Amino acid sequence: MPGKITRRTLLVSALLVGQLVCFLGALLWFGAWLERGLGEVVRDRILSASQQMAVQIVQMIELMDIDDATPGTAGWERMQKLVEDTKLPTGGYLCVVREDDGRVLCHPEIRSRPKLAETTLDEILRSEVAPGESRVSSGGLAPHWARLSDGSYVLTAITIPRLDARMLVHQPEGPMRMAVLAFNEKVRAIGTVVVVAVVVISALVTLVIIRRYESRLSQINRGLEAQVAHRSAALLRSRDAVIFGLAKLAESRDGETGEHLERISKYTEILAREVSMMQTPGGDEAWVQTLASTAVLHDIGKVGVPDAVLRKPSALTQDERKIIEKHPFIGGDTLMEIKRRWGDDPFLATASQVCFGHHERWDGTGYPFGLKGENIPMAARIVALADVYDALTSERAYKDAVPHDRAKQMITDASGTQFDPMVVQAFVEVEPQFKDIAQLIRVKGNGQNQGTPTADA
């Protein structure tokens, strides 16, 4: 026994010394990496975040339907208020300049400094762009950051076509440098604590394993893995049930039924599996199941559409059509906000793609963004076809159900215009399964939803 104890002590001591040596080397490397690499990454993330926020603000301005941005008008006031209220990361701000002459239209300080309205973008950049750095002119703004002499960054490549103007993003260097330093220090502290904890815990665990608990820990691990797998499966089932309930709540506003959502999910699963097999040998079943679960969320943006439009039994006016065509953006933006708070998640990413893109068309004539061809996410292309098939083959208050063979012909005729030809080809391969599902889960729709047989709304 004393000999075993001695050998065990020497083993643990040698392991601890080796880990300490690795720890010191890791700390040195980690510090150098923080200085060289992570700082630039954080800086790029801040600049990218500012640019993304600016793009969203431009989209919001487009949705405001501002026809006249002349200073002092109601449209200008709304845009100016939006610019004033928008706070970019680390002290950044936005302003709007005219496309033709670069004159400043909106700026956070334009109310207190009226002379800004007489300033052009060229006048700003001519005096501030540092020697050797990128110069950007108001007549042909390049889509990249320009470094100013005061260390700030500007990006002026975000156009606002409706107003013949563009957005200028200004990001001061001082606050950004402080943010980078603060982040680096936090990461350094966390890394140090983690490494120390790993060294200590691993040494203790090693000692315990050597003494008594090798077999017992193995059994416990197997039990824990089984519990984790069971709980993960239960969580996934709970998640899918909640998602279906939320989607049903949105659909119920225009009279749809749970059977509609169930059919959409089944159609999407079958079609996605066939597309996945066509793209990759063996397919990607995880992606198929994720898409099948998220498909029911495609129309959650309808909660933002007024009942007077959503439940109108007769044909919509052009203005009403514009209102309802905002529902993909409403739903997608809602999911993107959840994703921003939750973090990267394949489920939320796929769900937002479906919401944003299920009314886009292969030829670029869809909405809300007019995406064309492969710029439309594959998930959205698949759900678009499944949604149209269900709309065609379901009875509504404003139309009779279309027979399966007629629906198939209408979809194949729309290949290359409304639908991705590859997705249509996959549909042709599995269309008997669509017919079986349509017959198995068949409940007559009693909704008052507007729209056309091609599910354009």
Protein backbone atom coordinates (compact mmCIF):
# COMPACT_ATOMS: atom_id res chain seq x y z
CA MET A 1 0.00 0.00 0.00
CA PRO A 2 2.73 2.60 0.82
CA GLY A 3 4.39 1.81 -2.50
CA LYS A 4 1.12 2.35 -4.36
CA ILE A 5 0.56 5.61 -2.54
CA THR A 6 4.06 6.81 -3.44
CA ARG A 7 3.66 5.90 -7.11
CA ARG A 8 0.25 7.53 -7.18
CA THR A 9 1.64 10.73 -5.59
CA LEU A 10 4.53 10.86 -8.08
CA LEU A 11 2.13 10.39 -10.98
CA VAL A 12 -0.18 13.14 -9.83
CA SER A 13 2.78 15.46 -9.10
CA ALA A 14 4.28 14.86 -12.54
CA LEU A 15 0.89 15.50 -14.15
CA LEU A 16 0.42 18.72 -12.18
CA VAL A 17 3.91 20.01 -13.07
CA GLY A 18 3.37 19.23 -16.74
CA GLN A 19 0.01 21.02 -16.69
CA LEU A 20 1.54 24.05 -14.99
CA VAL A 21 4.20 24.26 -17.70
CA CYS A 22 1.52 24.05 -20.37
CA PHE A 23 -0.49 26.66 -18.47
CA LEU A 24 2.36 29.17 -18.47
CA GLY A 25 3.02 28.60 -22.19
CA ALA A 26 -0.69 28.93 -22.95
CA LEU A 27 -0.89 32.20 -21.04
CA LEU A 28 2.01 33.67 -23.00
CA TRP A 29 0.51 32.60 -26.31
CA PHE A 30 -2.95 33.74 -25.25
CA GLY A 31 -1.72 37.22 -24.36
CA ALA A 32 0.05 37.60 -27.70
CA TRP A 33 -3.01 36.36 -29.56
CA LEU A 34 -5.26 38.83 -27.77
CA GLU A 35 -3.04 41.72 -28.81
CA ARG A 36 -2.61 40.65 -32.44
CA GLY A 37 -5.74 38.86 -33.49
CA LEU A 38 -8.73 39.29 -31.24
CA GLY A 39 -8.52 43.08 -31.16
CA GLU A 40 -8.95 43.28 -34.92
CA VAL A 41 -11.75 40.73 -34.79
CA VAL A 42 -13.63 42.76 -32.17
CA ARG A 43 -13.05 45.95 -34.15
CA ASP A 44 -14.37 44.31 -37.31
CA ARG A 45 -17.41 43.01 -35.43
CA ILE A 46 -18.20 46.50 -34.13
CA LEU A 47 -17.91 48.00 -37.60
CA SER A 48 -19.97 45.19 -39.10
CA ALA A 49 -22.63 45.60 -36.40
CA SER A 50 -22.80 49.33 -37.15
CA GLN A 51 -23.16 48.61 -40.85
CA GLN A 52 -25.90 46.01 -40.25
CA MET A 53 -27.82 48.42 -38.04
CA ALA A 54 -27.53 51.06 -40.75
CA VAL A 55 -28.92 48.62 -43.32
CA GLN A 56 -31.88 47.92 -41.04
CA ILE A 57 -32.49 51.64 -40.55
CA VAL A 58 -32.45 52.09 -44.33
CA GLN A 59 -35.04 49.31 -44.61
CA MET A 60 -37.17 51.03 -41.98
CA ILE A 61 -36.93 54.32 -43.88
CA GLU A 62 -38.03 52.53 -47.05
CA LEU A 63 -41.03 51.08 -45.20
CA MET A 64 -42.01 54.56 -43.96
CA ASP A 65 -43.02 55.48 -47.53
CA ILE A 66 -41.41 58.91 -47.26
CA ASP A 67 -41.96 60.79 -50.52
CA ASP A 68 -40.40 64.13 -49.59
CA ALA A 69 -37.24 64.34 -47.45
CA THR A 70 -36.84 68.10 -47.73
CA PRO A 71 -35.73 69.51 -44.35
CA GLY A 72 -38.72 70.74 -42.38
CA THR A 73 -41.26 68.43 -43.99
CA ALA A 74 -43.08 65.68 -42.08
CA GLY A 75 -41.13 63.00 -43.94
CA TRP A 76 -37.82 64.66 -43.06
CA GLU A 77 -38.91 64.98 -39.42
CA ARG A 78 -39.62 61.24 -39.20
CA MET A 79 -36.30 60.35 -40.78
CA GLN A 80 -34.39 62.86 -38.63
CA LYS A 81 -36.04 61.48 -35.48
CA LEU A 82 -35.00 57.95 -36.49
CA VAL A 83 -31.40 59.09 -37.07
CA GLU A 84 -31.34 60.90 -33.71
CA ASP A 85 -32.73 57.91 -31.82
CA THR A 86 -30.39 55.34 -33.40
CA LYS A 87 -27.37 54.63 -31.22
CA LEU A 88 -24.64 52.59 -32.88
CA PRO A 89 -22.11 50.55 -30.86
CA THR A 90 -19.40 52.49 -29.00
CA GLY A 91 -20.63 55.99 -29.77
CA GLY A 92 -21.25 55.65 -33.50
CA TYR A 93 -23.96 57.59 -35.28
CA LEU A 94 -25.75 57.86 -38.63
CA CYS A 95 -26.48 60.69 -41.02
CA VAL A 96 -28.19 60.91 -44.41
CA VAL A 97 -26.76 62.77 -47.42
CA ARG A 98 -28.26 63.56 -50.81
CA GLU A 99 -27.10 61.39 -53.68
CA ASP A 100 -26.64 64.16 -56.22
CA ASP A 101 -24.49 66.66 -54.32
CA GLY A 102 -23.62 64.97 -51.02
CA ARG A 103 -25.35 67.65 -48.93
CA VAL A 104 -26.27 66.56 -45.40
CA LEU A 105 -30.01 65.92 -44.95
CA CYS A 106 -30.16 64.31 -41.50
CA HIS A 107 -27.57 64.33 -38.71
CA PRO A 108 -27.95 63.75 -34.93
CA GLU A 109 -26.74 67.32 -34.27
CA ILE A 110 -28.39 69.13 -37.17
CA ARG A 111 -30.98 70.79 -34.92
CA SER A 112 -28.30 72.36 -32.69
CA ARG A 113 -25.89 72.98 -35.58
CA PRO A 114 -28.03 74.18 -38.52
CA LYS A 115 -24.93 74.87 -40.64
CA LEU A 116 -24.56 71.11 -41.04
CA ALA A 117 -27.40 71.33 -43.56
CA GLU A 118 -25.09 73.45 -45.74
CA THR A 119 -22.22 70.95 -45.52
CA THR A 120 -21.49 68.33 -48.15
CA LEU A 121 -19.93 64.94 -47.65
CA ASP A 122 -16.99 65.93 -49.84
CA GLU A 123 -16.24 68.86 -47.53
CA ILE A 124 -16.21 66.53 -44.52
CA LEU A 125 -13.98 63.89 -46.06
CA ARG A 126 -11.63 66.28 -47.86
CA SER A 127 -10.36 67.62 -44.54
CA GLU A 128 -10.56 64.44 -42.48
CA VAL A 129 -9.28 61.52 -44.55
CA ALA A 130 -5.81 60.68 -43.32
CA PRO A 131 -2.88 60.49 -45.79
CA GLY A 132 -2.53 57.04 -47.27
CA GLU A 133 -6.01 55.97 -46.21
CA SER A 134 -9.01 55.25 -48.43
CA ARG A 135 -10.79 58.36 -49.75
CA VAL A 136 -14.52 58.23 -50.42
CA SER A 137 -16.28 60.87 -52.49
CA SER A 138 -19.97 61.71 -52.56
CA GLY A 139 -20.21 60.95 -56.26
CA GLY A 140 -19.06 57.33 -56.11
CA LEU A 141 -18.92 56.00 -52.60
CA ALA A 142 -17.10 52.71 -52.37
CA PRO A 143 -18.54 49.92 -50.17
CA HIS A 144 -15.70 49.94 -47.65
CA TRP A 145 -14.58 51.77 -44.53
CA ALA A 146 -12.52 54.93 -44.85
CA ARG A 147 -10.18 55.87 -42.01
CA LEU A 148 -10.30 59.54 -41.07
CA SER A 149 -7.46 61.60 -39.65
CA ASP A 150 -9.05 61.63 -36.20
CA GLY A 151 -9.02 57.83 -36.14
CA SER A 152 -12.72 57.52 -36.90
CA TYR A 153 -14.23 55.28 -39.55
CA VAL A 154 -16.94 56.09 -42.06
CA LEU A 155 -18.91 53.93 -44.46
CA THR A 156 -21.04 55.59 -47.10
CA ALA A 157 -22.19 52.77 -49.35
CA ILE A 158 -25.75 52.28 -48.12
CA THR A 159 -28.18 53.78 -50.60
CA ILE A 160 -31.81 54.84 -50.01
CA PRO A 161 -33.22 54.56 -53.55
CA ARG A 162 -36.65 55.98 -52.74
CA LEU A 163 -35.17 59.29 -51.55
CA ASP A 164 -32.19 59.45 -53.92
CA ALA A 165 -29.97 59.56 -50.84
CA ARG A 166 -27.55 57.40 -48.93
CA MET A 167 -26.71 56.62 -45.33
CA LEU A 168 -23.38 57.64 -43.76
CA VAL A 169 -22.13 55.56 -40.84
CA HIS A 170 -19.62 57.27 -38.53
CA GLN A 171 -17.74 55.20 -35.94
CA PRO A 172 -15.31 57.05 -33.59
CA GLU A 173 -12.02 55.29 -32.90
CA GLY A 174 -11.59 56.32 -29.23
CA PRO A 175 -14.65 54.56 -27.75
CA MET A 176 -14.09 51.62 -30.07
CA ARG A 177 -10.50 51.22 -28.83
CA MET A 178 -11.74 51.26 -25.23
CA ALA A 179 -14.34 48.62 -26.07
CA VAL A 180 -11.65 46.42 -27.65
CA LEU A 181 -9.39 46.80 -24.61
CA ALA A 182 -12.24 46.06 -22.19
CA PHE A 183 -13.20 42.96 -24.17
CA ASN A 184 -9.61 41.74 -24.33
CA GLU A 185 -9.16 42.17 -20.58
CA LYS A 186 -12.37 40.30 -19.89
CA VAL A 187 -11.36 37.44 -22.18
CA ARG A 188 -7.89 37.36 -20.66
CA ALA A 189 -9.32 37.14 -17.13
CA ILE A 190 -11.80 34.45 -18.09
CA GLY A 191 -9.12 32.48 -19.91
CA THR A 192 -6.79 32.63 -16.94
CA VAL A 193 -9.49 31.46 -14.54
CA VAL A 194 -10.54 28.67 -16.85
CA VAL A 195 -7.00 27.40 -17.37
CA VAL A 196 -6.22 27.46 -13.65
CA ALA A 197 -9.49 25.72 -12.88
CA VAL A 198 -8.78 23.08 -15.52
CA VAL A 199 -5.33 22.39 -14.08
CA VAL A 200 -6.57 22.06 -10.51
CA ILE A 201 -9.70 20.08 -11.32
CA SER A 202 -7.94 17.71 -13.69
CA ALA A 203 -5.27 16.95 -11.08
CA LEU A 204 -7.89 16.26 -8.43
CA VAL A 205 -10.02 14.18 -10.77
CA THR A 206 -6.97 12.19 -11.83
CA LEU A 207 -6.15 11.40 -8.20
CA VAL A 208 -9.71 10.33 -7.48
CA ILE A 209 -9.91 8.14 -10.59
CA ILE A 210 -6.64 6.42 -9.76
CA ARG A 211 -7.73 5.67 -6.22
CA ARG A 212 -11.25 4.37 -6.37
CA TYR A 213 -13.80 5.44 -8.93
CA GLU A 214 -12.79 4.36 -12.45
CA SER A 215 -15.58 1.91 -12.95
CA ARG A 216 -18.09 3.87 -10.90
CA LEU A 217 -17.47 7.11 -12.81
CA SER A 218 -17.84 5.21 -16.06
CA GLN A 219 -21.26 3.96 -14.94
CA ILE A 220 -22.29 7.41 -13.78
CA ASN A 221 -21.21 8.91 -17.11
CA ARG A 222 -23.28 6.39 -19.00
CA GLY A 223 -26.27 7.16 -16.81
CA LEU A 224 -25.79 10.92 -17.24
CA GLU A 225 -25.50 10.57 -20.99
CA ALA A 226 -28.77 8.64 -21.06
CA GLN A 227 -30.47 11.29 -18.91
CA VAL A 228 -29.11 14.12 -21.06
CA ALA A 229 -30.28 12.37 -24.22
CA HIS A 230 -33.71 11.79 -22.68
CA ARG A 231 -34.04 15.37 -21.46
CA SER A 232 -32.77 16.75 -24.77
CA ALA A 233 -35.39 14.75 -26.61
CA ALA A 234 -38.05 15.97 -24.18
CA LEU A 235 -36.92 19.57 -24.64
CA LEU A 236 -37.07 19.21 -28.41
CA ARG A 237 -40.58 17.80 -28.18
CA SER A 238 -41.61 20.65 -25.89
CA ARG A 239 -40.00 23.19 -28.22
CA ASP A 240 -41.80 21.80 -31.25
CA ALA A 241 -45.12 21.76 -29.39
CA VAL A 242 -44.73 25.40 -28.30
CA ILE A 243 -43.66 26.42 -31.81
CA PHE A 244 -46.68 24.67 -33.32
CA GLY A 245 -48.94 26.38 -30.79
CA LEU A 246 -47.51 29.82 -31.60
CA ALA A 247 -47.81 29.17 -35.31
CA LYS A 248 -51.40 27.98 -34.83
CA LEU A 249 -52.18 31.17 -32.91
CA ALA A 250 -50.93 33.24 -35.85
CA GLU A 251 -52.78 31.12 -38.42
CA SER A 252 -56.03 31.24 -36.44
CA ARG A 253 -56.28 34.99 -37.07
CA ASP A 254 -57.13 34.32 -40.70
CA GLY A 255 -59.20 31.20 -40.08
CA GLU A 256 -56.56 28.57 -40.83
CA THR A 257 -56.54 25.26 -38.95
CA GLY A 258 -53.93 23.15 -37.22
CA GLU A 259 -54.30 20.65 -40.05
CA HIS A 260 -52.95 23.27 -42.46
CA LEU A 261 -49.78 23.58 -40.36
CA GLU A 262 -49.47 19.82 -40.04
CA ARG A 263 -49.72 19.42 -43.81
CA ILE A 264 -47.16 22.18 -44.43
CA SER A 265 -44.73 20.47 -42.05
CA LYS A 266 -45.23 17.07 -43.73
CA TYR A 267 -44.95 18.47 -47.27
CA THR A 268 -41.79 20.37 -46.29
CA GLU A 269 -40.19 17.31 -44.69
CA ILE A 270 -40.80 15.11 -47.74
CA LEU A 271 -39.67 17.75 -50.21
CA ALA A 272 -36.62 18.80 -48.16
CA ARG A 273 -35.47 15.19 -47.83
CA GLU A 274 -35.68 14.71 -51.60
CA VAL A 275 -33.81 17.98 -52.28
CA SER A 276 -31.17 17.05 -49.70
CA MET A 277 -30.66 13.65 -51.37
CA MET A 278 -30.30 15.37 -54.75
CA GLN A 279 -27.64 17.72 -53.36
CA THR A 280 -25.68 15.39 -51.07
CA PRO A 281 -25.32 11.58 -51.14
CA GLY A 282 -27.22 10.29 -48.13
CA GLY A 283 -28.81 13.70 -47.51
CA ASP A 284 -28.74 15.79 -44.35
CA GLU A 285 -31.50 14.49 -42.08
CA ALA A 286 -30.74 16.99 -39.30
CA TRP A 287 -31.37 19.88 -41.72
CA VAL A 288 -34.53 18.18 -43.01
CA GLN A 289 -35.98 17.83 -39.50
CA THR A 290 -35.03 21.41 -38.60
CA LEU A 291 -36.75 22.74 -41.71
CA ALA A 292 -39.84 20.57 -41.14
CA SER A 293 -40.14 22.01 -37.62
CA THR A 294 -39.61 25.62 -38.68
CA ALA A 295 -41.95 25.51 -41.69
CA VAL A 296 -44.99 26.06 -39.48
CA LEU A 297 -43.62 29.51 -38.58
CA HIS A 298 -43.72 30.79 -42.16
CA ASP A 299 -46.74 33.06 -41.62
CA ILE A 300 -46.28 34.22 -38.00
CA GLY A 301 -45.86 37.76 -39.36
CA LYS A 302 -49.62 37.80 -39.99
CA VAL A 303 -50.08 38.78 -36.34
CA GLY A 304 -48.91 42.23 -37.43
CA VAL A 305 -51.54 42.58 -40.18
CA PRO A 306 -54.83 44.32 -39.28
CA ASP A 307 -57.92 42.09 -39.18
CA ALA A 308 -59.67 44.35 -41.68
CA VAL A 309 -57.09 43.32 -44.27
CA LEU A 310 -56.24 39.80 -43.11
CA ARG A 311 -59.83 38.59 -42.83
CA LYS A 312 -61.29 40.46 -45.79
CA PRO A 313 -63.41 37.97 -47.78
CA SER A 314 -63.19 39.87 -51.06
CA ALA A 315 -60.29 40.88 -53.27
CA LEU A 316 -57.72 43.24 -51.75
CA THR A 317 -56.98 46.72 -52.99
CA GLN A 318 -53.45 47.61 -54.02
CA ASP A 319 -52.86 49.44 -50.72
CA GLU A 320 -54.22 46.48 -48.75
CA ARG A 321 -51.94 44.18 -50.76
CA LYS A 322 -48.93 46.29 -49.75
CA ILE A 323 -49.94 45.97 -46.11
CA ILE A 324 -50.25 42.20 -46.17
CA GLU A 325 -47.04 41.84 -48.16
CA LYS A 326 -45.20 43.14 -45.11
CA HIS A 327 -45.95 39.99 -43.09
CA PRO A 328 -42.81 38.08 -44.22
CA PHE A 329 -40.67 41.00 -43.04
CA ILE A 330 -42.57 41.24 -39.74
CA GLY A 331 -42.18 37.52 -39.02
CA GLY A 332 -38.56 37.33 -40.16
CA ASP A 333 -37.54 40.43 -38.24
CA THR A 334 -39.20 39.04 -35.10
CA LEU A 335 -37.22 35.81 -35.36
CA MET A 336 -34.00 37.72 -36.10
CA GLU A 337 -34.52 39.74 -32.92
CA ILE A 338 -34.91 36.49 -30.96
CA LYS A 339 -31.76 35.18 -32.65
CA ARG A 340 -29.84 38.34 -31.74
CA ARG A 341 -30.77 37.88 -28.09
CA TRP A 342 -30.37 34.09 -28.02
CA GLY A 343 -27.24 33.82 -30.15
CA ASP A 344 -26.39 31.67 -33.17
CA ASP A 345 -28.87 28.85 -33.49
CA PRO A 346 -29.57 26.70 -36.61
CA PHE A 347 -33.26 26.50 -35.80
CA LEU A 348 -33.77 30.27 -35.52
CA ALA A 349 -31.57 30.91 -38.55
CA THR A 350 -33.62 28.51 -40.68
CA ALA A 351 -36.92 29.85 -39.32
CA SER A 352 -35.99 33.45 -40.18
CA GLN A 353 -34.95 32.38 -43.72
CA VAL A 354 -38.35 30.71 -44.16
CA CYS A 355 -40.27 33.74 -42.84
CA PHE A 356 -38.36 36.27 -44.95
CA GLY A 357 -38.25 34.27 -48.17
CA HIS A 358 -41.34 32.06 -48.57
CA HIS A 359 -42.99 34.63 -50.89
CA GLU A 360 -39.89 35.33 -52.97
CA ARG A 361 -39.97 34.04 -56.55
CA TRP A 362 -37.26 32.37 -58.59
CA ASP A 363 -37.52 35.08 -61.29
CA GLY A 364 -37.10 37.91 -58.75
CA THR A 365 -40.68 39.22 -58.83
CA GLY A 366 -41.60 38.13 -55.30
CA TYR A 367 -41.56 40.04 -52.04
CA PRO A 368 -40.52 41.48 -49.60
CA PHE A 369 -36.98 41.88 -51.02
CA GLY A 370 -37.34 40.79 -54.64
CA LEU A 371 -34.62 38.15 -54.28
CA LYS A 372 -33.84 36.11 -57.38
CA GLY A 373 -32.60 32.59 -58.06
CA GLU A 374 -30.10 31.12 -55.64
CA ASN A 375 -30.08 34.33 -53.61
CA ILE A 376 -33.28 32.94 -52.09
CA PRO A 377 -32.38 30.52 -49.25
CA MET A 378 -33.10 26.90 -50.11
CA ALA A 379 -35.28 26.54 -47.01
CA ALA A 380 -37.56 29.33 -48.25
CA ARG A 381 -37.72 27.87 -51.79
CA ILE A 382 -38.93 24.54 -50.41
CA VAL A 383 -41.53 25.99 -48.04
CA ALA A 384 -42.80 28.29 -50.82
CA LEU A 385 -43.71 25.31 -52.99
CA ALA A 386 -45.24 23.38 -50.07
CA ASP A 387 -47.33 26.41 -49.09
CA VAL A 388 -48.59 26.93 -52.65
CA TYR A 389 -49.50 23.25 -53.02
CA ASP A 390 -51.52 23.33 -49.80
CA ALA A 391 -53.24 26.56 -50.83
CA LEU A 392 -54.17 25.06 -54.19
CA THR A 393 -55.52 21.76 -52.84
CA SER A 394 -57.39 23.23 -49.85
CA GLU A 395 -60.91 24.61 -49.93
CA ARG A 396 -61.30 28.21 -48.80
CA ALA A 397 -64.23 30.56 -48.42
CA TYR A 398 -63.21 32.31 -51.62
CA LYS A 399 -62.35 29.25 -53.76
CA ASP A 400 -62.79 25.52 -54.29
CA ALA A 401 -59.99 23.02 -53.81
CA VAL A 402 -57.93 22.24 -56.93
CA PRO A 403 -57.46 18.51 -57.72
CA HIS A 404 -54.00 17.11 -57.11
CA ASP A 405 -53.20 16.55 -60.78
CA ARG A 406 -54.20 20.11 -61.67
CA ALA A 407 -52.13 21.48 -58.76
CA LYS A 408 -49.16 19.42 -59.94
CA GLN A 409 -49.51 20.84 -63.46
CA MET A 410 -49.73 24.43 -62.18
CA ILE A 411 -46.59 23.97 -60.10
CA THR A 412 -44.58 22.39 -62.90
CA ASP A 413 -45.72 25.16 -65.26
CA ALA A 414 -44.29 27.69 -62.76
CA SER A 415 -40.85 26.04 -62.77
CA GLY A 416 -38.20 28.64 -63.51
CA THR A 417 -40.54 31.56 -62.84
CA GLN A 418 -42.14 31.18 -59.44
CA PHE A 419 -40.23 28.10 -58.26
CA ASP A 420 -36.67 26.76 -58.29
CA PRO A 421 -36.53 24.15 -61.09
CA MET A 422 -34.61 21.74 -58.86
CA VAL A 423 -37.26 21.99 -56.13
CA VAL A 424 -39.97 21.40 -58.75
CA GLN A 425 -38.04 18.36 -59.99
CA ALA A 426 -37.91 17.04 -56.41
CA PHE A 427 -41.65 17.68 -56.07
CA VAL A 428 -42.37 15.64 -59.19
CA GLU A 429 -40.43 12.73 -57.66
CA VAL A 430 -42.44 12.76 -54.42
CA GLU A 431 -45.80 14.17 -55.52
CA PRO A 432 -47.65 10.86 -54.82
CA GLN A 433 -46.72 11.33 -51.15
CA PHE A 434 -48.12 14.87 -51.29
CA LYS A 435 -51.39 13.46 -52.62
CA ASP A 436 -51.55 10.89 -49.81
CA ILE A 437 -50.95 13.55 -47.14
CA ALA A 438 -53.53 15.88 -48.66
CA GLN A 439 -56.11 13.07 -48.48
CA LEU A 440 -55.07 11.87 -45.01
CA ILE A 441 -55.03 15.29 -43.32
CA ARG A 442 -57.99 16.83 -45.07
CA VAL A 443 -60.13 19.34 -43.24
CA LYS A 444 -62.13 21.89 -45.20
CA GLY A 445 -60.87 25.42 -44.56
CA ASN A 446 -63.45 27.78 -43.17
CA GLY A 447 -61.13 30.82 -42.98
CA GLN A 448 -61.79 34.28 -44.30
CA ASN A 449 -58.27 34.76 -45.55
CA GLN A 450 -57.72 36.87 -48.61
CA GLY A 451 -55.32 35.83 -51.32
CA THR A 452 -55.01 33.83 -54.46
CA PRO A 453 -54.71 30.08 -55.06
CA THR A 454 -50.96 30.50 -55.33
CA ALA A 455 -50.68 31.66 -51.70
CA ASP A 456 -49.26 35.03 -52.66
CA ALA A 457 -50.28 36.47 -49.29
